[in-house]
Amino acid sequence: MEESDVKKPVKALLIGGSAGSLQVLFHLLPLLNKTLPFAIIVVLHRRHSADSSLSELLSTKTALPTHEVDDKDVILPGHIYLAPADYHLLIEKGETFSLDYSEKVNFSRPSIDVTFESAAEVYGSSLAALLLSGANEDGTKGLLAVKKTGGITLVQNPETAQMPYMPNYALAHAVIDHVCDIAQMAHFINTLH
């Protein structure tokens, strides 16, 4: 077996979502193990000021340390990171975060695609990405980038999504490894290494 055939351990799990995805997270986070060997990076479409305490709210659903990202934060395994409202979240080569206030992508800032694409460049095959409920096409290009670099791609089962457009669009335009309901997502995440 060649070295390139050996699967690298996952260093980060990306979760992207829009309309309807917050309820999925509220149900998913309590099902996760109390420790995980990789970082979870969450990008949600959110209003600028309406949910400034979202990371605090998410932290009540999990034992994992949960933080809203600040520019240049170091990415640590076993932590959950939430993209701040109104900033694109990028992953830098030194496994740190960078915040960007450039134009909206897919009518969104933060854009799921921006984060997924930058993470794919840094993590390559050591990455998994999950796309949840939503009402636009954001996330599909990012999933394509993750798949192209050897990462694992997942989408919420559109039949369980409040807004199925986003996972349906990804299923039609990207190569998806797993289609999951919430219980299947939790099992996948808890057994990921």
Foldseek 3Di string as FASTA:
>chain_A
DDPVPDQDAAAEEEEEEEPQVVVLLLVQALLADQFAFHEYEYEYFDDQPPCQCVQVVSVVNHNFATEEDDAFAAGGGRHYYYDHAQWAWAQDQNRTIHTHNDDADQNGVNFLLRHLLRVCVRQQQSYEYEYEADATQTPLNSLQSNVVSNHAYEYEALVQGPHSPHVVNNVVRHDHDYHHHSVVVNVCRNPGD
